Amino acid sequence: DDVNEHICKLAKKGMTPSQIGVYLRDSFGIPQVRTVTGNKVLRILKLNGLAPDLPEDLYHLIKKAVSIRKHLEKNRADTDSKFRLILVESRIHRLARYYKKTKKLPATWKYVSQTASALVA
């Protein structure tokens, strides 16, 4: 119960589920939240309505794509980064397809590179 309240408090501060897990491990010596509470961090956040609207892994991939795109604006000739951007964005599309299938994202959700910076801002 005490752990659940702590998780909610950390989520309200703006921490992601994995950051919460790392914080609890380092500060309180809780190796696995699930063994203590019976639920995973994200599940606890969902029960309290604090879950992030974008899944964490997808969020970080979009963040990476935005930073590569920003880099490419300054360094147009960087062909390796162009290639890496293609790889990252295809990973985003693949993950989005999975999340739509499992109903974790709305069926109408679409990754658009122009509006991506607003998603991670």
PDB file of N, CA and C in Angstrom:
ATOM      1  N   ASP A   1       0.829  -1.204   0.000  1.00  0.00           N
ATOM      2  CA  ASP A   1       0.000   0.000   0.000  1.00  0.00           C
ATOM      3  C   ASP A   1       0.865   1.256   0.000  1.00  0.00           C
ATOM      4  N   ASP A   2       1.864   1.235   0.882  1.00  0.00           N
ATOM      5  CA  ASP A   2       2.789   2.356   0.986  1.00  0.00           C
ATOM      6  C   ASP A   2       3.550   2.529  -0.327  1.00  0.00           C
ATOM      7  N   VAL A   3       3.933   1.389  -0.925  1.00  0.00           N
ATOM      8  CA  VAL A   3       4.667   1.414  -2.195  1.00  0.00           C
ATOM      9  C   VAL A   3       3.777   1.985  -3.298  1.00  0.00           C
ATOM     10  N   ASN A   4       2.504   1.575  -3.314  1.00  0.00           N
ATOM     11  CA  ASN A   4       1.561   2.078  -4.327  1.00  0.00           C
ATOM     12  C   ASN A   4       1.439   3.596  -4.270  1.00  0.00           C
ATOM     13  N   GLU A   5       1.315   4.124  -3.044  1.00  0.00           N
ATOM     14  CA  GLU A   5       1.203   5.569  -2.881  1.00  0.00           C
ATOM     15  C   GLU A   5       2.461   6.271  -3.369  1.00  0.00           C
ATOM     16  N   HIS A   6       3.597   5.658  -3.072  1.00  0.00           N
ATOM     17  CA  HIS A   6       4.879   6.230  -3.480  1.00  0.00           C
ATOM     18  C   HIS A   6       5.002   6.250  -5.000  1.00  0.00           C
ATOM     19  N   ILE A   7       4.555   5.163  -5.640  1.00  0.00           N
ATOM     20  CA  ILE A   7       4.602   5.078  -7.105  1.00  0.00           C
ATOM     21  C   ILE A   7       3.747   6.178  -7.716  1.00  0.00           C
ATOM     22  N   CYS A   8       2.551   6.385  -7.160  1.00  0.00           N
ATOM     23  CA  CYS A   8       1.645   7.426  -7.673  1.00  0.00           C
ATOM     24  C   CYS A   8       2.253   8.813  -7.496  1.00  0.00           C
ATOM     25  N   LYS A   9       2.899   9.028  -6.351  1.00  0.00           N
ATOM     26  CA  LYS A   9       3.523  10.315  -6.070  1.00  0.00           C
ATOM     27  C   LYS A   9       4.639  10.602  -7.089  1.00  0.00           C
ATOM     28  N   LEU A  10       5.438   9.569  -7.385  1.00  0.00           N
ATOM     29  CA  LEU A  10       6.536   9.735  -8.342  1.00  0.00           C
ATOM     30  C   LEU A  10       5.999   9.965  -9.755  1.00  0.00           C
ATOM     31  N   ALA A  11       4.891   9.295 -10.097  1.00  0.00           N
ATOM     32  CA  ALA A  11       4.290   9.462 -11.425  1.00  0.00           C
ATOM     33  C   ALA A  11       3.756  10.881 -11.586  1.00  0.00           C
ATOM     34  N   LYS A  12       3.208  11.441 -10.508  1.00  0.00           N
ATOM     35  CA  LYS A  12       2.693  12.807 -10.568  1.00  0.00           C
ATOM     36  C   LYS A  12       3.821  13.819 -10.758  1.00  0.00           C
ATOM     37  N   LYS A  13       5.025  13.441 -10.296  1.00  0.00           N
ATOM     38  CA  LYS A  13       6.200  14.310 -10.507  1.00  0.00           C
ATOM     39  C   LYS A  13       6.671  14.265 -11.957  1.00  0.00           C
ATOM     40  N   GLY A  14       6.160  13.289 -12.713  1.00  0.00           N
ATOM     41  CA  GLY A  14       6.514  13.204 -14.139  1.00  0.00           C
ATOM     42  C   GLY A  14       7.505  12.108 -14.477  1.00  0.00           C
ATOM     43  N   MET A  15       7.686  11.149 -13.582  1.00  0.00           N
ATOM     44  CA  MET A  15       8.605  10.047 -13.857  1.00  0.00           C
ATOM     45  C   MET A  15       7.918   8.974 -14.707  1.00  0.00           C
ATOM     46  N   THR A  16       8.715   8.334 -15.560  1.00  0.00           N
ATOM     47  CA  THR A  16       8.189   7.234 -16.367  1.00  0.00           C
ATOM     48  C   THR A  16       8.183   5.963 -15.518  1.00  0.00           C
ATOM     49  N   PRO A  17       7.433   4.929 -15.931  1.00  0.00           N
ATOM     50  CA  PRO A  17       7.407   3.692 -15.146  1.00  0.00           C
ATOM     51  C   PRO A  17       8.787   3.090 -14.890  1.00  0.00           C
ATOM     52  N   SER A  18       9.671   3.106 -15.882  1.00  0.00           N
ATOM     53  CA  SER A  18      11.001   2.526 -15.660  1.00  0.00           C
ATOM     54  C   SER A  18      11.846   3.388 -14.726  1.00  0.00           C
ATOM     55  N   GLN A  19      11.672   4.711 -14.811  1.00  0.00           N
ATOM     56  CA  GLN A  19      12.386   5.597 -13.883  1.00  0.00           C
ATOM     57  C   GLN A  19      11.922   5.359 -12.455  1.00  0.00           C
ATOM     58  N   ILE A  20      10.615   5.114 -12.294  1.00  0.00           N
ATOM     59  CA  ILE A  20      10.055   4.830 -10.973  1.00  0.00           C
ATOM     60  C   ILE A  20      10.669   3.546 -10.427  1.00  0.00           C
ATOM     61  N   GLY A  21      10.755   2.523 -11.276  1.00  0.00           N
ATOM     62  CA  GLY A  21      11.349   1.252 -10.861  1.00  0.00           C
ATOM     63  C   GLY A  21      12.788   1.406 -10.420  1.00  0.00           C
ATOM     64  N   VAL A  22      13.562   2.173 -11.193  1.00  0.00           N
ATOM     65  CA  VAL A  22      14.971   2.403 -10.860  1.00  0.00           C
ATOM     66  C   VAL A  22      15.085   3.180  -9.551  1.00  0.00           C
ATOM     67  N   TYR A  23      14.227   4.182  -9.368  1.00  0.00           N
ATOM     68  CA  TYR A  23      14.245   4.994  -8.153  1.00  0.00           C
ATOM     69  C   TYR A  23      13.934   4.142  -6.921  1.00  0.00           C
ATOM     70  N   LEU A  24      12.899   3.306  -7.039  1.00  0.00           N
ATOM     71  CA  LEU A  24      12.527   2.453  -5.906  1.00  0.00           C
ATOM     72  C   LEU A  24      13.631   1.448  -5.587  1.00  0.00           C
ATOM     73  N   ARG A  25      14.287   0.946  -6.636  1.00  0.00           N
ATOM     74  CA  ARG A  25      15.382  -0.005  -6.428  1.00  0.00           C
ATOM     75  C   ARG A  25      16.552   0.663  -5.712  1.00  0.00           C
ATOM     76  N   ASP A  26      16.913   1.863  -6.168  1.00  0.00           N
ATOM     77  CA  ASP A  26      18.096   2.527  -5.621  1.00  0.00           C
ATOM     78  C   ASP A  26      17.854   3.146  -4.252  1.00  0.00           C
ATOM     79  N   SER A  27      16.663   3.712  -4.040  1.00  0.00           N
ATOM     80  CA  SER A  27      16.410   4.430  -2.793  1.00  0.00           C
ATOM     81  C   SER A  27      15.862   3.549  -1.677  1.00  0.00           C
ATOM     82  N   PHE A  28      15.011   2.587  -2.043  1.00  0.00           N
ATOM     83  CA  PHE A  28      14.333   1.797  -1.021  1.00  0.00           C
ATOM     84  C   PHE A  28      14.719   0.325  -1.019  1.00  0.00           C
ATOM     85  N   GLY A  29      15.584  -0.060  -1.954  1.00  0.00           N
ATOM     86  CA  GLY A  29      16.013  -1.459  -2.007  1.00  0.00           C
ATOM     87  C   GLY A  29      14.897  -2.408  -2.408  1.00  0.00           C
ATOM     88  N   ILE A  30      13.965  -1.929  -3.249  1.00  0.00           N
ATOM     89  CA  ILE A  30      12.894  -2.799  -3.756  1.00  0.00           C
ATOM     90  C   ILE A  30      13.349  -3.328  -5.110  1.00  0.00           C
ATOM     91  N   PRO A  31      13.797  -4.590  -5.176  1.00  0.00           N
ATOM     92  CA  PRO A  31      14.338  -5.086  -6.447  1.00  0.00           C
ATOM     93  C   PRO A  31      13.268  -5.211  -7.535  1.00  0.00           C
ATOM     94  N   GLN A  32      12.079  -5.719  -7.154  1.00  0.00           N
ATOM     95  CA  GLN A  32      10.993  -5.880  -8.116  1.00  0.00           C
ATOM     96  C   GLN A  32       9.709  -5.397  -7.449  1.00  0.00           C
ATOM     97  N   VAL A  33       9.043  -4.451  -8.089  1.00  0.00           N
ATOM     98  CA  VAL A  33       7.797  -3.926  -7.523  1.00  0.00           C
ATOM     99  C   VAL A  33       6.747  -5.033  -7.475  1.00  0.00           C
ATOM    100  N   ARG A  34       6.756  -5.900  -8.488  1.00  0.00           N
ATOM    101  CA  ARG A  34       5.739  -6.944  -8.582  1.00  0.00           C
ATOM    102  C   ARG A  34       5.785  -7.905  -7.393  1.00  0.00           C
ATOM    103  N   THR A  35       6.977  -8.227  -6.906  1.00  0.00           N
ATOM    104  CA  THR A  35       7.071  -9.160  -5.779  1.00  0.00           C
ATOM    105  C   THR A  35       6.534  -8.534  -4.485  1.00  0.00           C
ATOM    106  N   VAL A  36       6.630  -7.199  -4.375  1.00  0.00           N
ATOM    107  CA  VAL A  36       6.165  -6.510  -3.170  1.00  0.00           C
ATOM    108  C   VAL A  36       4.662  -6.247  -3.226  1.00  0.00           C
ATOM    109  N   THR A  37       4.192  -5.749  -4.386  1.00  0.00           N
ATOM    110  CA  THR A  37       2.799  -5.313  -4.483  1.00  0.00           C
ATOM    111  C   THR A  37       1.882  -6.327  -5.157  1.00  0.00           C
ATOM    112  N   GLY A  38       2.460  -7.225  -5.948  1.00  0.00           N
ATOM    113  CA  GLY A  38       1.645  -8.157  -6.722  1.00  0.00           C
ATOM    114  C   GLY A  38       1.254  -7.599  -8.077  1.00  0.00           C
ATOM    115  N   ASN A  39       1.579  -6.340  -8.329  1.00  0.00           N
ATOM    116  CA  ASN A  39       1.299  -5.695  -9.614  1.00  0.00           C
ATOM    117  C   ASN A  39       2.544  -4.997 -10.137  1.00  0.00           C
ATOM    118  N   LYS A  40       2.623  -4.868 -11.450  1.00  0.00           N
ATOM    119  CA  LYS A  40       3.733  -4.138 -12.050  1.00  0.00           C
ATOM    120  C   LYS A  40       3.470  -2.637 -11.949  1.00  0.00           C
ATOM    121  N   VAL A  41       4.535  -1.846 -12.134  1.00  0.00           N
ATOM    122  CA  VAL A  41       4.440  -0.387 -11.983  1.00  0.00           C
ATOM    123  C   VAL A  41       3.384   0.191 -12.925  1.00  0.00           C
ATOM    124  N   LEU A  42       3.428  -0.204 -14.205  1.00  0.00           N
ATOM    125  CA  LEU A  42       2.492   0.359 -15.183  1.00  0.00           C
ATOM    126  C   LEU A  42       1.049   0.006 -14.840  1.00  0.00           C
ATOM    127  N   ARG A  43       0.839  -1.204 -14.336  1.00  0.00           N
ATOM    128  CA  ARG A  43      -0.512  -1.626 -13.969  1.00  0.00           C
ATOM    129  C   ARG A  43      -1.042  -0.789 -12.800  1.00  0.00           C
ATOM    130  N   ILE A  44      -0.162  -0.508 -11.837  1.00  0.00           N
ATOM    131  CA  ILE A  44      -0.542   0.337 -10.692  1.00  0.00           C
ATOM    132  C   ILE A  44      -0.902   1.737 -11.186  1.00  0.00           C
ATOM    133  N   LEU A  45      -0.109   2.252 -12.132  1.00  0.00           N
ATOM    134  CA  LEU A  45      -0.385   3.583 -12.681  1.00  0.00           C
ATOM    135  C   LEU A  45      -1.712   3.597 -13.436  1.00  0.00           C
ATOM    136  N   LYS A  46      -2.003   2.522 -14.175  1.00  0.00           N
ATOM    137  CA  LYS A  46      -3.267   2.451 -14.919  1.00  0.00           C
ATOM    138  C   LYS A  46      -4.458   2.436 -13.970  1.00  0.00           C
ATOM    139  N   LEU A  47      -4.329   1.694 -12.862  1.00  0.00           N
ATOM    140  CA  LEU A  47      -5.428   1.634 -11.886  1.00  0.00           C
ATOM    141  C   LEU A  47      -5.726   3.002 -11.290  1.00  0.00           C
ATOM    142  N   ASN A  48      -4.684   3.827 -11.155  1.00  0.00           N
ATOM    143  CA  ASN A  48      -4.860   5.156 -10.579  1.00  0.00           C
ATOM    144  C   ASN A  48      -5.029   6.238 -11.640  1.00  0.00           C
ATOM    145  N   GLY A  49      -5.097   5.821 -12.908  1.00  0.00           N
ATOM    146  CA  GLY A  49      -5.302   6.777 -14.003  1.00  0.00           C
ATOM    147  C   GLY A  49      -4.113   7.672 -14.281  1.00  0.00           C
ATOM    148  N   LEU A  50      -2.913   7.168 -14.000  1.00  0.00           N
ATOM    149  CA  LEU A  50      -1.707   7.985 -14.184  1.00  0.00           C
ATOM    150  C   LEU A  50      -0.801   7.447 -15.291  1.00  0.00           C
ATOM    151  N   ALA A  51      -1.275   6.453 -16.026  1.00  0.00           N
ATOM    152  CA  ALA A  51      -0.442   5.848 -17.064  1.00  0.00           C
ATOM    153  C   ALA A  51      -0.200   6.834 -18.203  1.00  0.00           C
ATOM    154  N   PRO A  52       1.012   6.834 -18.774  1.00  0.00           N
ATOM    155  CA  PRO A  52       1.271   7.733 -19.907  1.00  0.00           C
ATOM    156  C   PRO A  52       0.429   7.337 -21.118  1.00  0.00           C
ATOM    157  N   ASP A  53       0.038   8.329 -21.927  1.00  0.00           N
ATOM    158  CA  ASP A  53      -0.820   8.027 -23.074  1.00  0.00           C
ATOM    159  C   ASP A  53      -0.065   7.306 -24.188  1.00  0.00           C
ATOM    160  N   LEU A  54       1.245   7.544 -24.292  1.00  0.00           N
ATOM    161  CA  LEU A  54       2.072   6.802 -25.247  1.00  0.00           C
ATOM    162  C   LEU A  54       2.878   5.766 -24.484  1.00  0.00           C
ATOM    163  N   PRO A  55       2.962   4.519 -24.990  1.00  0.00           N
ATOM    164  CA  PRO A  55       3.835   3.539 -24.339  1.00  0.00           C
ATOM    165  C   PRO A  55       5.281   4.051 -24.310  1.00  0.00           C
ATOM    166  N   GLU A  56       5.984   3.690 -23.254  1.00  0.00           N
ATOM    167  CA  GLU A  56       7.302   4.267 -23.004  1.00  0.00           C
ATOM    168  C   GLU A  56       8.314   3.990 -24.116  1.00  0.00           C
ATOM    169  N   ASP A  57       8.344   2.736 -24.612  1.00  0.00           N
ATOM    170  CA  ASP A  57       9.327   2.404 -25.643  1.00  0.00           C
ATOM    171  C   ASP A  57       9.058   3.177 -26.932  1.00  0.00           C
ATOM    172  N   LEU A  58       7.791   3.329 -27.273  1.00  0.00           N
ATOM    173  CA  LEU A  58       7.419   4.092 -28.462  1.00  0.00           C
ATOM    174  C   LEU A  58       7.787   5.567 -28.286  1.00  0.00           C
ATOM    175  N   TYR A  59       7.543   6.087 -27.102  1.00  0.00           N
ATOM    176  CA  TYR A  59       7.881   7.479 -26.792  1.00  0.00           C
ATOM    177  C   TYR A  59       9.367   7.740 -27.013  1.00  0.00           C
ATOM    178  N   HIS A  60      10.208   6.822 -26.509  1.00  0.00           N
ATOM    179  CA  HIS A  60      11.655   7.019 -26.637  1.00  0.00           C
ATOM    180  C   HIS A  60      12.135   6.878 -28.075  1.00  0.00           C
ATOM    181  N   LEU A  61      11.509   5.985 -28.841  1.00  0.00           N
ATOM    182  CA  LEU A  61      11.859   5.875 -30.259  1.00  0.00           C
ATOM    183  C   LEU A  61      11.501   7.155 -31.011  1.00  0.00           C
ATOM    184  N   ILE A  62      10.332   7.735 -30.698  1.00  0.00           N
ATOM    185  CA  ILE A  62       9.920   8.973 -31.356  1.00  0.00           C
ATOM    186  C   ILE A  62      10.876  10.102 -30.975  1.00  0.00           C
ATOM    187  N   LYS A  63      11.273  10.123 -29.702  1.00  0.00           N
ATOM    188  CA  LYS A  63      12.215  11.128 -29.225  1.00  0.00           C
ATOM    189  C   LYS A  63      13.545  11.029 -29.987  1.00  0.00           C
ATOM    190  N   LYS A  64      14.000   9.787 -30.194  1.00  0.00           N
ATOM    191  CA  LYS A  64      15.244   9.553 -30.923  1.00  0.00           C
ATOM    192  C   LYS A  64      15.114  10.013 -32.375  1.00  0.00           C
ATOM    193  N   ALA A  65      13.981   9.700 -33.007  1.00  0.00           N
ATOM    194  CA  ALA A  65      13.757  10.099 -34.399  1.00  0.00           C
ATOM    195  C   ALA A  65      13.751  11.622 -34.531  1.00  0.00           C
ATOM    196  N   VAL A  66      13.131  12.299 -33.549  1.00  0.00           N
ATOM    197  CA  VAL A  66      13.082  13.763 -33.583  1.00  0.00           C
ATOM    198  C   VAL A  66      14.488  14.340 -33.462  1.00  0.00           C
ATOM    199  N   SER A  67      15.301  13.765 -32.581  1.00  0.00           N
ATOM    200  CA  SER A  67      16.659  14.295 -32.412  1.00  0.00           C
ATOM    201  C   SER A  67      17.520  14.023 -33.648  1.00  0.00           C
ATOM    202  N   ILE A  68      17.340  12.865 -34.297  1.00  0.00           N
ATOM    203  CA  ILE A  68      18.081  12.580 -35.536  1.00  0.00           C
ATOM    204  C   ILE A  68      17.658  13.567 -36.623  1.00  0.00           C
ATOM    205  N   ARG A  69      16.346  13.833 -36.718  1.00  0.00           N
ATOM    206  CA  ARG A  69      15.835  14.771 -37.721  1.00  0.00           C
ATOM    207  C   ARG A  69      16.407  16.174 -37.500  1.00  0.00           C
ATOM    208  N   LYS A  70      16.487  16.571 -36.233  1.00  0.00           N
ATOM    209  CA  LYS A  70      17.047  17.879 -35.893  1.00  0.00           C
ATOM    210  C   LYS A  70      18.519  17.946 -36.302  1.00  0.00           C
ATOM    211  N   HIS A  71      19.236  16.855 -36.056  1.00  0.00           N
ATOM    212  CA  HIS A  71      20.647  16.757 -36.437  1.00  0.00           C
ATOM    213  C   HIS A  71      20.789  16.855 -37.955  1.00  0.00           C
ATOM    214  N   LEU A  72      19.884  16.207 -38.679  1.00  0.00           N
ATOM    215  CA  LEU A  72      19.964  16.210 -40.142  1.00  0.00           C
ATOM    216  C   LEU A  72      19.659  17.583 -40.748  1.00  0.00           C
ATOM    217  N   GLU A  73      18.893  18.411 -40.027  1.00  0.00           N
ATOM    218  CA  GLU A  73      18.653  19.769 -40.520  1.00  0.00           C
ATOM    219  C   GLU A  73      19.953  20.556 -40.591  1.00  0.00           C
ATOM    220  N   LYS A  74      20.824  20.343 -39.603  1.00  0.00           N
ATOM    221  CA  LYS A  74      22.113  21.033 -39.578  1.00  0.00           C
ATOM    222  C   LYS A  74      23.130  20.346 -40.483  1.00  0.00           C
ATOM    223  N   ASN A  75      23.090  19.013 -40.508  1.00  0.00           N
ATOM    224  CA  ASN A  75      24.100  18.240 -41.251  1.00  0.00           C
ATOM    225  C   ASN A  75      23.436  17.418 -42.350  1.00  0.00           C
ATOM    226  N   ARG A  76      23.121  18.094 -43.439  1.00  0.00           N
ATOM    227  CA  ARG A  76      22.383  17.454 -44.526  1.00  0.00           C
ATOM    228  C   ARG A  76      23.132  16.291 -45.168  1.00  0.00           C
ATOM    229  N   ALA A  77      24.451  16.365 -45.185  1.00  0.00           N
ATOM    230  CA  ALA A  77      25.248  15.364 -45.909  1.00  0.00           C
ATOM    231  C   ALA A  77      25.486  14.091 -45.105  1.00  0.00           C
ATOM    232  N   ASP A  78      25.036  14.069 -43.873  1.00  0.00           N
ATOM    233  CA  ASP A  78      25.280  12.907 -43.002  1.00  0.00           C
ATOM    234  C   ASP A  78      24.416  11.727 -43.443  1.00  0.00           C
ATOM    235  N   THR A  79      24.958  10.934 -44.356  1.00  0.00           N
ATOM    236  CA  THR A  79      24.171   9.846 -44.940  1.00  0.00           C
ATOM    237  C   THR A  79      23.911   8.722 -43.943  1.00  0.00           C
ATOM    238  N   ASP A  80      24.854   8.507 -43.035  1.00  0.00           N
ATOM    239  CA  ASP A  80      24.654   7.449 -42.040  1.00  0.00           C
ATOM    240  C   ASP A  80      23.453   7.766 -41.150  1.00  0.00           C
ATOM    241  N   SER A  81      23.327   9.036 -40.774  1.00  0.00           N
ATOM    242  CA  SER A  81      22.183   9.424 -39.944  1.00  0.00           C
ATOM    243  C   SER A  81      20.869   9.301 -40.704  1.00  0.00           C
ATOM    244  N   LYS A  82      20.913   9.584 -42.008  1.00  0.00           N
ATOM    245  CA  LYS A  82      19.712   9.410 -42.821  1.00  0.00           C
ATOM    246  C   LYS A  82      19.262   7.953 -42.774  1.00  0.00           C
ATOM    247  N   PHE A  83      20.241   7.069 -42.908  1.00  0.00           N
ATOM    248  CA  PHE A  83      19.956   5.636 -42.876  1.00  0.00           C
ATOM    249  C   PHE A  83      19.415   5.221 -41.513  1.00  0.00           C
ATOM    250  N   ARG A  84      20.049   5.705 -40.447  1.00  0.00           N
ATOM    251  CA  ARG A  84      19.603   5.368 -39.085  1.00  0.00           C
ATOM    252  C   ARG A  84      18.185   5.883 -38.825  1.00  0.00           C
ATOM    253  N   LEU A  85      17.876   7.059 -39.368  1.00  0.00           N
ATOM    254  CA  LEU A  85      16.535   7.618 -39.217  1.00  0.00           C
ATOM    255  C   LEU A  85      15.497   6.694 -39.860  1.00  0.00           C
ATOM    256  N   ILE A  86      15.833   6.172 -41.030  1.00  0.00           N
ATOM    257  CA  ILE A  86      14.931   5.232 -41.706  1.00  0.00           C
ATOM    258  C   ILE A  86      14.702   4.012 -40.828  1.00  0.00           C
ATOM    259  N   LEU A  87      15.772   3.489 -40.221  1.00  0.00           N
ATOM    260  CA  LEU A  87      15.657   2.308 -39.355  1.00  0.00           C
ATOM    261  C   LEU A  87      14.795   2.603 -38.126  1.00  0.00           C
ATOM    262  N   VAL A  88      15.043   3.753 -37.493  1.00  0.00           N
ATOM    263  CA  VAL A  88      14.294   4.117 -36.283  1.00  0.00           C
ATOM    264  C   VAL A  88      12.821   4.308 -36.612  1.00  0.00           C
ATOM    265  N   GLU A  89      12.553   4.989 -37.727  1.00  0.00           N
ATOM    266  CA  GLU A  89      11.156   5.243 -38.081  1.00  0.00           C
ATOM    267  C   GLU A  89      10.427   3.970 -38.477  1.00  0.00           C
ATOM    268  N   SER A  90      11.131   3.026 -39.101  1.00  0.00           N
ATOM    269  CA  SER A  90      10.468   1.755 -39.421  1.00  0.00           C
ATOM    270  C   SER A  90      10.176   0.976 -38.142  1.00  0.00           C
ATOM    271  N   ARG A  91      11.062   1.127 -37.141  1.00  0.00           N
ATOM    272  CA  ARG A  91      10.814   0.496 -35.841  1.00  0.00           C
ATOM    273  C   ARG A  91       9.594   1.123 -35.164  1.00  0.00           C
ATOM    274  N   ILE A  92       9.455   2.444 -35.315  1.00  0.00           N
ATOM    275  CA  ILE A  92       8.291   3.147 -34.761  1.00  0.00           C
ATOM    276  C   ILE A  92       7.013   2.610 -35.398  1.00  0.00           C
ATOM    277  N   HIS A  93       7.021   2.480 -36.731  1.00  0.00           N
ATOM    278  CA  HIS A  93       5.824   2.000 -37.433  1.00  0.00           C
ATOM    279  C   HIS A  93       5.486   0.572 -37.020  1.00  0.00           C
ATOM    280  N   ARG A  94       6.511  -0.259 -36.866  1.00  0.00           N
ATOM    281  CA  ARG A  94       6.287  -1.651 -36.480  1.00  0.00           C
ATOM    282  C   ARG A  94       5.699  -1.736 -35.077  1.00  0.00           C
ATOM    283  N   LEU A  95       6.246  -0.947 -34.158  1.00  0.00           N
ATOM    284  CA  LEU A  95       5.771  -0.944 -32.777  1.00  0.00           C
ATOM    285  C   LEU A  95       4.352  -0.380 -32.691  1.00  0.00           C
ATOM    286  N   ALA A  96       4.083   0.660 -33.485  1.00  0.00           N
ATOM    287  CA  ALA A  96       2.747   1.256 -33.502  1.00  0.00           C
ATOM    288  C   ALA A  96       1.728   0.243 -34.002  1.00  0.00           C
ATOM    289  N   ARG A  97       2.111  -0.549 -34.999  1.00  0.00           N
ATOM    290  CA  ARG A  97       1.211  -1.579 -35.529  1.00  0.00           C
ATOM    291  C   ARG A  97       0.877  -2.598 -34.433  1.00  0.00           C
ATOM    292  N   TYR A  98       1.894  -2.976 -33.661  1.00  0.00           N
ATOM    293  CA  TYR A  98       1.678  -3.912 -32.556  1.00  0.00           C
ATOM    294  C   TYR A  98       0.751  -3.319 -31.495  1.00  0.00           C
ATOM    295  N   TYR A  99       0.993  -2.056 -31.121  1.00  0.00           N
ATOM    296  CA  TYR A  99       0.185  -1.428 -30.079  1.00  0.00           C
ATOM    297  C   TYR A  99      -1.255  -1.197 -30.519  1.00  0.00           C
ATOM    298  N   LYS A 100      -1.466  -0.965 -31.818  1.00  0.00           N
ATOM    299  CA  LYS A 100      -2.838  -0.836 -32.320  1.00  0.00           C
ATOM    300  C   LYS A 100      -3.548  -2.180 -32.245  1.00  0.00           C
ATOM    301  N   LYS A 101      -2.797  -3.233 -32.565  1.00  0.00           N
ATOM    302  CA  LYS A 101      -3.371  -4.583 -32.538  1.00  0.00           C
ATOM    303  C   LYS A 101      -3.765  -4.978 -31.119  1.00  0.00           C
ATOM    304  N   THR A 102      -2.946  -4.605 -30.138  1.00  0.00           N
ATOM    305  CA  THR A 102      -3.230  -4.954 -28.742  1.00  0.00           C
ATOM    306  C   THR A 102      -4.076  -3.891 -28.036  1.00  0.00           C
ATOM    307  N   LYS A 103      -4.581  -2.914 -28.798  1.00  0.00           N
ATOM    308  CA  LYS A 103      -5.481  -1.858 -28.296  1.00  0.00           C
ATOM    309  C   LYS A 103      -4.836  -0.933 -27.259  1.00  0.00           C
ATOM    310  N   LYS A 104      -3.508  -0.822 -27.286  1.00  0.00           N
ATOM    311  CA  LYS A 104      -2.839   0.120 -26.381  1.00  0.00           C
ATOM    312  C   LYS A 104      -2.734   1.512 -27.009  1.00  0.00           C
ATOM    313  N   LEU A 105      -2.943   1.555 -28.327  1.00  0.00           N
ATOM    314  CA  LEU A 105      -3.018   2.824 -29.052  1.00  0.00           C
ATOM    315  C   LEU A 105      -4.343   2.852 -29.801  1.00  0.00           C
ATOM    316  N   PRO A 106      -4.940   4.027 -29.979  1.00  0.00           N
ATOM    317  CA  PRO A 106      -6.180   4.075 -30.779  1.00  0.00           C
ATOM    318  C   PRO A 106      -5.896   3.681 -32.229  1.00  0.00           C
ATOM    319  N   ALA A 107      -6.873   3.086 -32.872  1.00  0.00           N
ATOM    320  CA  ALA A 107      -6.699   2.595 -34.240  1.00  0.00           C
ATOM    321  C   ALA A 107      -6.402   3.728 -35.221  1.00  0.00           C
ATOM    322  N   THR A 108      -6.770   4.956 -34.855  1.00  0.00           N
ATOM    323  CA  THR A 108      -6.554   6.095 -35.756  1.00  0.00           C
ATOM    324  C   THR A 108      -5.180   6.737 -35.562  1.00  0.00           C
ATOM    325  N   TRP A 109      -4.417   6.305 -34.550  1.00  0.00           N
ATOM    326  CA  TRP A 109      -3.121   6.916 -34.259  1.00  0.00           C
ATOM    327  C   TRP A 109      -2.172   6.686 -35.420  1.00  0.00           C
ATOM    328  N   LYS A 110      -1.424   7.727 -35.775  1.00  0.00           N
ATOM    329  CA  LYS A 110      -0.481   7.617 -36.881  1.00  0.00           C
ATOM    330  C   LYS A 110       0.758   8.427 -36.554  1.00  0.00           C
ATOM    331  N   TYR A 111       1.924   7.869 -36.880  1.00  0.00           N
ATOM    332  CA  TYR A 111       3.170   8.604 -36.674  1.00  0.00           C
ATOM    333  C   TYR A 111       3.405   9.502 -37.883  1.00  0.00           C
ATOM    334  N   VAL A 112       3.468  10.804 -37.628  1.00  0.00           N
ATOM    335  CA  VAL A 112       3.777  11.762 -38.687  1.00  0.00           C
ATOM    336  C   VAL A 112       5.016  12.518 -38.240  1.00  0.00           C
ATOM    337  N   SER A 113       6.054  12.476 -39.058  1.00  0.00           N
ATOM    338  CA  SER A 113       7.335  13.059 -38.636  1.00  0.00           C
ATOM    339  C   SER A 113       7.251  14.564 -38.364  1.00  0.00           C
ATOM    340  N   GLN A 114       6.355  15.270 -39.071  1.00  0.00           N
ATOM    341  CA  GLN A 114       6.244  16.717 -38.865  1.00  0.00           C
ATOM    342  C   GLN A 114       5.653  17.041 -37.498  1.00  0.00           C
ATOM    343  N   THR A 115       4.730  16.231 -37.015  1.00  0.00           N
ATOM    344  CA  THR A 115       4.081  16.521 -35.728  1.00  0.00           C
ATOM    345  C   THR A 115       4.735  15.736 -34.574  1.00  0.00           C
ATOM    346  N   ALA A 116       5.770  14.965 -34.871  1.00  0.00           N
ATOM    347  CA  ALA A 116       6.383  14.116 -33.842  1.00  0.00           C
ATOM    348  C   ALA A 116       7.001  14.913 -32.706  1.00  0.00           C
ATOM    349  N   SER A 117       7.586  16.070 -33.016  1.00  0.00           N
ATOM    350  CA  SER A 117       8.225  16.855 -31.958  1.00  0.00           C
ATOM    351  C   SER A 117       7.210  17.331 -30.930  1.00  0.00           C
ATOM    352  N   ALA A 118       5.947  17.495 -31.344  1.00  0.00           N
ATOM    353  CA  ALA A 118       4.894  17.882 -30.398  1.00  0.00           C
ATOM    354  C   ALA A 118       4.542  16.725 -29.470  1.00  0.00           C
ATOM    355  N   LEU A 119       4.705  15.489 -29.946  1.00  0.00           N
ATOM    356  CA  LEU A 119       4.389  14.323 -29.118  1.00  0.00           C
ATOM    357  C   LEU A 119       5.377  14.159 -27.972  1.00  0.00           C
ATOM    358  N   VAL A 120       6.633  14.516 -28.206  1.00  0.00           N
ATOM    359  CA  VAL A 120       7.654  14.311 -27.172  1.00  0.00           C
ATOM    360  C   VAL A 120       8.009  15.582 -26.426  1.00  0.00           C
ATOM    361  N   ALA A 121       7.372  16.695 -26.768  1.00  0.00           N
ATOM    362  CA  ALA A 121       7.699  17.971 -26.105  1.00  0.00           C
ATOM    363  C   ALA A 121       7.261  17.956 -24.643  1.00  0.00           C
TER     364      ALA A 121
END
